[in-house]
Amino acid sequence: MKRTASVKEKSKSNVFWIEVMTFALCLDNEGYEVSLELRKLYPVLPPESNDPMGYVRIIDESGEDYLYSAEAFEIIQLSPQIEKKLVATL
């Protein structure tokens, strides 16, 4: 489910975040053990125009957004209250 949201720039990096986000649960971090933790929720950014199919743009442990195989994640639908609290921690 694609969501619309307002975009704000983080002051310490070039990464953009959105107030209403989609989150994904990491189910497979093979090959990306430093960048991704199993069973952790990660913010998902909207795809860019040149992103390949089958990939999701995740803000990983580095704090930057990178493309990862969508098969490694499960998109999670959170209540608006929980989403708001999670976004406030970004």
Foldseek 3Di string as FASTA:
>chain_A
DDDDFDWDQDPPDRAIDTQQFWKKAFCDCVVNVVWADHRDIWTWDDDDPPDDPQWTFTCTPVSHTDIDGCVRIDIDDDDPVVSNVVSVVD
